[in-house]
Amino acid sequence: MSMIYQQAVTQPKKMLNNLKNFLNEAAEVAESKSFERDNFLQIRLAPDQFNLLRQIQTTCDTAKLTAARLAGVEAPSHPDTETTWDELLTRIQSVIDYLDTLEEAQFEDAETRWIELPFMKGKKVAGLDYMIEFGTPNLYFHITSAYAILRSNGVKLGKIPFIGSMNMVDA
């Protein structure tokens, strides 16, 4: 399996599944303390940072757009209309399902494919640089922010739930 495919598809899918697990843990905390899980959605780490809802939307956008741009295809649209827990879980799953449609062959030459970003008019970046310098760090920034919001609000998450499973074999 190519490294760029792993970084653009396999690892983001794993992290999105981990994010779903974070939300499941948070839902249990809300239930055990008798409050609505949607209360978590408006919490933010700092006044000038996104709230949990927007962190999750941006994590999803980063995963799908990074993969789509590197594969040279159009990503599905998500208009950021989610307002509830269940809608966010549906969005996460829809991005995982989208990533499942991408095939490794679509990433052939992705390292040298020119990527144009809508927020950087008149500029372009090589695919490998885009993935290393923007796509991967942006994915981890937003998923870490979501993790930190939940962790700082009583959800018992540790490093292993963040890292998730590894492809281990017997020694």
C-alpha atoms as a PDB file:
ATOM      1  CA  MET A   1       0.000   0.000   0.000  1.00  0.00           C
ATOM      2  CA  SER A   2       1.439   3.375  -0.969  1.00  0.00           C
ATOM      3  CA  MET A   3       2.393   5.795   1.780  1.00  0.00           C
ATOM      4  CA  ILE A   4       0.364   8.642   0.297  1.00  0.00           C
ATOM      5  CA  TYR A   5      -2.763   6.451   0.132  1.00  0.00           C
ATOM      6  CA  GLN A   6      -2.235   5.425   3.752  1.00  0.00           C
ATOM      7  CA  GLN A   7      -1.818   9.053   4.831  1.00  0.00           C
ATOM      8  CA  ALA A   8      -4.711  10.365   2.735  1.00  0.00           C
ATOM      9  CA  VAL A   9      -7.260   7.571   3.193  1.00  0.00           C
ATOM     10  CA  THR A  10      -6.382   4.814   5.660  1.00  0.00           C
ATOM     11  CA  GLN A  11      -5.162   6.950   8.567  1.00  0.00           C
ATOM     12  CA  PRO A  12      -7.927   9.599   8.309  1.00  0.00           C
ATOM     13  CA  LYS A  13     -10.545   6.808   8.313  1.00  0.00           C
ATOM     14  CA  LYS A  14      -8.974   5.415  11.468  1.00  0.00           C
ATOM     15  CA  MET A  15      -8.954   8.839  13.112  1.00  0.00           C
ATOM     16  CA  LEU A  16     -12.577   9.511  12.130  1.00  0.00           C
ATOM     17  CA  ASN A  17     -13.546   6.196  13.727  1.00  0.00           C
ATOM     18  CA  ASN A  18     -11.594   7.237  16.826  1.00  0.00           C
ATOM     19  CA  LEU A  19     -13.546  10.519  16.798  1.00  0.00           C
ATOM     20  CA  LYS A  20     -16.803   8.557  16.756  1.00  0.00           C
ATOM     21  CA  ASN A  21     -15.512   6.650  19.791  1.00  0.00           C
ATOM     22  CA  PHE A  22     -14.749   9.953  21.574  1.00  0.00           C
ATOM     23  CA  LEU A  23     -18.329  11.027  20.953  1.00  0.00           C
ATOM     24  CA  ASN A  24     -19.687   7.725  22.228  1.00  0.00           C
ATOM     25  CA  GLU A  25     -17.667   8.176  25.432  1.00  0.00           C
ATOM     26  CA  ALA A  26     -18.950  11.736  25.784  1.00  0.00           C
ATOM     27  CA  ALA A  27     -22.549  10.550  25.308  1.00  0.00           C
ATOM     28  CA  GLU A  28     -22.053   8.116  28.199  1.00  0.00           C
ATOM     29  CA  VAL A  29     -20.759  10.931  30.400  1.00  0.00           C
ATOM     30  CA  ALA A  30     -23.752  13.084  29.524  1.00  0.00           C
ATOM     31  CA  GLU A  31     -26.148  10.227  30.273  1.00  0.00           C
ATOM     32  CA  SER A  32     -24.461   9.395  33.578  1.00  0.00           C
ATOM     33  CA  LYS A  33     -24.690  13.048  34.655  1.00  0.00           C
ATOM     34  CA  SER A  34     -28.230  13.548  33.288  1.00  0.00           C
ATOM     35  CA  PHE A  35     -27.549  16.284  30.759  1.00  0.00           C
ATOM     36  CA  GLU A  36     -28.077  16.496  27.016  1.00  0.00           C
ATOM     37  CA  ARG A  37     -25.049  15.379  25.018  1.00  0.00           C
ATOM     38  CA  ASP A  38     -25.699  18.233  22.563  1.00  0.00           C
ATOM     39  CA  ASN A  39     -24.540  20.590  25.353  1.00  0.00           C
ATOM     40  CA  PHE A  40     -20.970  19.584  24.468  1.00  0.00           C
ATOM     41  CA  LEU A  41     -21.360  20.917  20.922  1.00  0.00           C
ATOM     42  CA  GLN A  42     -21.031  24.616  21.783  1.00  0.00           C
ATOM     43  CA  ILE A  43     -17.998  24.229  24.066  1.00  0.00           C
ATOM     44  CA  ARG A  44     -14.703  25.660  22.886  1.00  0.00           C
ATOM     45  CA  LEU A  45     -11.194  25.719  24.345  1.00  0.00           C
ATOM     46  CA  ALA A  46     -10.728  29.448  23.866  1.00  0.00           C
ATOM     47  CA  PRO A  47     -13.008  32.305  22.798  1.00  0.00           C
ATOM     48  CA  ASP A  48     -11.330  32.586  19.398  1.00  0.00           C
ATOM     49  CA  GLN A  49     -11.360  28.859  18.577  1.00  0.00           C
ATOM     50  CA  PHE A  50     -14.061  26.738  16.967  1.00  0.00           C
ATOM     51  CA  ASN A  51     -16.564  24.970  19.190  1.00  0.00           C
ATOM     52  CA  LEU A  52     -16.786  21.168  19.228  1.00  0.00           C
ATOM     53  CA  LEU A  53     -19.395  21.110  16.465  1.00  0.00           C
ATOM     54  CA  ARG A  54     -17.191  23.124  14.098  1.00  0.00           C
ATOM     55  CA  GLN A  55     -14.053  21.152  15.072  1.00  0.00           C
ATOM     56  CA  ILE A  56     -15.818  17.964  13.973  1.00  0.00           C
ATOM     57  CA  GLN A  57     -17.100  19.514  10.745  1.00  0.00           C
ATOM     58  CA  THR A  58     -13.600  20.761   9.944  1.00  0.00           C
ATOM     59  CA  THR A  59     -12.024  17.399  10.766  1.00  0.00           C
ATOM     60  CA  CYS A  60     -14.439  15.798   8.299  1.00  0.00           C
ATOM     61  CA  ASP A  61     -13.788  18.447   5.648  1.00  0.00           C
ATOM     62  CA  THR A  62     -10.038  18.092   5.998  1.00  0.00           C
ATOM     63  CA  ALA A  63     -10.193  14.304   5.657  1.00  0.00           C
ATOM     64  CA  LYS A  64     -12.370  14.298   2.549  1.00  0.00           C
ATOM     65  CA  LEU A  65     -10.769  17.302   0.827  1.00  0.00           C
ATOM     66  CA  THR A  66      -7.198  16.137   1.373  1.00  0.00           C
ATOM     67  CA  ALA A  67      -8.005  12.724  -0.083  1.00  0.00           C
ATOM     68  CA  ALA A  68     -10.052  14.125  -2.959  1.00  0.00           C
ATOM     69  CA  ARG A  69      -7.434  16.685  -3.951  1.00  0.00           C
ATOM     70  CA  LEU A  70      -4.659  14.094  -3.877  1.00  0.00           C
ATOM     71  CA  ALA A  71      -6.786  11.640  -5.885  1.00  0.00           C
ATOM     72  CA  GLY A  72      -7.688  14.349  -8.396  1.00  0.00           C
ATOM     73  CA  VAL A  73     -11.441  13.970  -7.831  1.00  0.00           C
ATOM     74  CA  GLU A  74     -14.280  16.094  -6.510  1.00  0.00           C
ATOM     75  CA  ALA A  75     -15.184  15.687  -2.837  1.00  0.00           C
ATOM     76  CA  PRO A  76     -18.814  15.420  -1.745  1.00  0.00           C
ATOM     77  CA  SER A  77     -20.408  18.580  -0.397  1.00  0.00           C
ATOM     78  CA  HIS A  78     -21.363  18.966   3.250  1.00  0.00           C
ATOM     79  CA  PRO A  79     -23.053  22.337   3.818  1.00  0.00           C
ATOM     80  CA  ASP A  80     -22.281  22.516   7.586  1.00  0.00           C
ATOM     81  CA  THR A  81     -25.926  22.362   8.612  1.00  0.00           C
ATOM     82  CA  GLU A  82     -25.442  19.875  11.440  1.00  0.00           C
ATOM     83  CA  THR A  83     -26.746  21.038  14.808  1.00  0.00           C
ATOM     84  CA  THR A  84     -27.125  17.777  16.722  1.00  0.00           C
ATOM     85  CA  TRP A  85     -24.998  14.908  17.942  1.00  0.00           C
ATOM     86  CA  ASP A  86     -26.664  12.401  15.636  1.00  0.00           C
ATOM     87  CA  GLU A  87     -26.202  14.651  12.610  1.00  0.00           C
ATOM     88  CA  LEU A  88     -22.475  14.909  13.377  1.00  0.00           C
ATOM     89  CA  LEU A  89     -22.159  11.141  13.721  1.00  0.00           C
ATOM     90  CA  THR A  90     -23.908  10.804  10.358  1.00  0.00           C
ATOM     91  CA  ARG A  91     -21.478  13.284   8.800  1.00  0.00           C
ATOM     92  CA  ILE A  92     -18.453  11.456  10.177  1.00  0.00           C
ATOM     93  CA  GLN A  93     -19.777   8.173   8.806  1.00  0.00           C
ATOM     94  CA  SER A  94     -20.528   9.733   5.416  1.00  0.00           C
ATOM     95  CA  VAL A  95     -16.913  10.875   5.134  1.00  0.00           C
ATOM     96  CA  ILE A  96     -15.649   7.419   6.124  1.00  0.00           C
ATOM     97  CA  ASP A  97     -17.962   5.945   3.483  1.00  0.00           C
ATOM     98  CA  TYR A  98     -16.634   8.425   0.913  1.00  0.00           C
ATOM     99  CA  LEU A  99     -13.026   7.548   1.732  1.00  0.00           C
ATOM    100  CA  ASP A 100     -13.952   3.888   1.211  1.00  0.00           C
ATOM    101  CA  THR A 101     -14.819   4.697  -2.424  1.00  0.00           C
ATOM    102  CA  LEU A 102     -11.304   5.891  -3.209  1.00  0.00           C
ATOM    103  CA  GLU A 103      -8.902   3.373  -4.686  1.00  0.00           C
ATOM    104  CA  GLU A 104      -5.160   3.317  -4.316  1.00  0.00           C
ATOM    105  CA  ALA A 105      -4.674   3.639  -8.083  1.00  0.00           C
ATOM    106  CA  GLN A 106      -6.279   7.114  -7.940  1.00  0.00           C
ATOM    107  CA  PHE A 107      -3.285   8.288  -5.899  1.00  0.00           C
ATOM    108  CA  GLU A 108      -0.695   7.319  -8.479  1.00  0.00           C
ATOM    109  CA  ASP A 109       1.385  10.453  -9.137  1.00  0.00           C
ATOM    110  CA  ALA A 110      -0.382  12.240  -6.243  1.00  0.00           C
ATOM    111  CA  GLU A 111       2.978  13.338  -4.831  1.00  0.00           C
ATOM    112  CA  THR A 112       3.613  15.521  -7.884  1.00  0.00           C
ATOM    113  CA  ARG A 113       0.003  16.447  -8.713  1.00  0.00           C
ATOM    114  CA  TRP A 114      -0.505  20.202  -8.427  1.00  0.00           C
ATOM    115  CA  ILE A 115      -3.069  21.186  -5.822  1.00  0.00           C
ATOM    116  CA  GLU A 116      -4.813  24.558  -5.994  1.00  0.00           C
ATOM    117  CA  LEU A 117      -6.472  25.702  -2.796  1.00  0.00           C
ATOM    118  CA  PRO A 118      -9.524  27.969  -3.002  1.00  0.00           C
ATOM    119  CA  PHE A 119      -8.229  30.146  -0.153  1.00  0.00           C
ATOM    120  CA  MET A 120      -4.836  30.687  -1.824  1.00  0.00           C
ATOM    121  CA  LYS A 121      -5.809  32.214  -5.169  1.00  0.00           C
ATOM    122  CA  GLY A 122      -3.096  32.157  -7.795  1.00  0.00           C
ATOM    123  CA  LYS A 123      -0.938  29.657  -5.894  1.00  0.00           C
ATOM    124  CA  LYS A 124      -0.446  25.906  -6.142  1.00  0.00           C
ATOM    125  CA  VAL A 125       1.424  23.262  -4.173  1.00  0.00           C
ATOM    126  CA  ALA A 126       2.735  19.812  -5.048  1.00  0.00           C
ATOM    127  CA  GLY A 127       0.629  16.975  -3.645  1.00  0.00           C
ATOM    128  CA  LEU A 128       3.252  15.597  -1.282  1.00  0.00           C
ATOM    129  CA  ASP A 129       3.952  19.058   0.148  1.00  0.00           C
ATOM    130  CA  TYR A 130       0.213  19.695   0.485  1.00  0.00           C
ATOM    131  CA  MET A 131      -0.287  16.461   2.406  1.00  0.00           C
ATOM    132  CA  ILE A 132       2.756  16.900   4.669  1.00  0.00           C
ATOM    133  CA  GLU A 133       2.507  20.648   5.255  1.00  0.00           C
ATOM    134  CA  PHE A 134      -1.261  21.166   5.364  1.00  0.00           C
ATOM    135  CA  GLY A 135      -3.591  18.178   5.046  1.00  0.00           C
ATOM    136  CA  THR A 136      -2.129  15.941   7.758  1.00  0.00           C
ATOM    137  CA  PRO A 137      -1.357  18.698  10.306  1.00  0.00           C
ATOM    138  CA  ASN A 138      -4.796  20.274   9.788  1.00  0.00           C
ATOM    139  CA  LEU A 139      -6.551  16.935  10.329  1.00  0.00           C
ATOM    140  CA  TYR A 140      -4.654  16.329  13.562  1.00  0.00           C
ATOM    141  CA  PHE A 141      -5.118  19.920  14.766  1.00  0.00           C
ATOM    142  CA  HIS A 142      -8.912  19.719  14.577  1.00  0.00           C
ATOM    143  CA  ILE A 143      -9.272  16.186  15.894  1.00  0.00           C
ATOM    144  CA  THR A 144      -6.923  17.053  18.773  1.00  0.00           C
ATOM    145  CA  SER A 145      -8.989  20.150  19.517  1.00  0.00           C
ATOM    146  CA  ALA A 146     -12.173  18.051  19.598  1.00  0.00           C
ATOM    147  CA  TYR A 147     -10.415  15.553  21.874  1.00  0.00           C
ATOM    148  CA  ALA A 148      -9.222  18.357  24.178  1.00  0.00           C
ATOM    149  CA  ILE A 149     -12.689  19.926  24.414  1.00  0.00           C
ATOM    150  CA  LEU A 150     -14.182  16.614  25.493  1.00  0.00           C
ATOM    151  CA  ARG A 151     -11.274  15.687  27.783  1.00  0.00           C
ATOM    152  CA  SER A 152     -11.347  19.065  29.527  1.00  0.00           C
ATOM    153  CA  ASN A 153     -15.065  18.604  30.148  1.00  0.00           C
ATOM    154  CA  GLY A 154     -14.914  15.315  31.995  1.00  0.00           C
ATOM    155  CA  VAL A 155     -14.760  12.713  29.240  1.00  0.00           C
ATOM    156  CA  LYS A 156     -12.184  10.119  30.283  1.00  0.00           C
ATOM    157  CA  LEU A 157     -10.073   9.834  27.147  1.00  0.00           C
ATOM    158  CA  GLY A 158      -6.408   8.932  27.118  1.00  0.00           C
ATOM    159  CA  LYS A 159      -3.636   8.557  24.581  1.00  0.00           C
ATOM    160  CA  ILE A 160      -4.640   5.063  23.442  1.00  0.00           C
ATOM    161  CA  PRO A 161      -8.192   6.084  22.417  1.00  0.00           C
ATOM    162  CA  PHE A 162      -6.594   8.921  20.420  1.00  0.00           C
ATOM    163  CA  ILE A 163      -3.994   6.724  18.730  1.00  0.00           C
ATOM    164  CA  GLY A 164      -6.396   3.817  18.220  1.00  0.00           C
ATOM    165  CA  SER A 165      -5.501   0.350  17.036  1.00  0.00           C
ATOM    166  CA  MET A 166      -2.200  -0.537  15.415  1.00  0.00           C
ATOM    167  CA  ASN A 167      -1.353  -3.230  12.890  1.00  0.00           C
ATOM    168  CA  MET A 168       0.450  -5.492  15.335  1.00  0.00           C
ATOM    169  CA  VAL A 169       1.668  -9.025  14.671  1.00  0.00           C
ATOM    170  CA  ASP A 170       3.217 -11.642  16.931  1.00  0.00           C
ATOM    171  CA  ALA A 171       6.958 -11.265  17.411  1.00  0.00           C
END
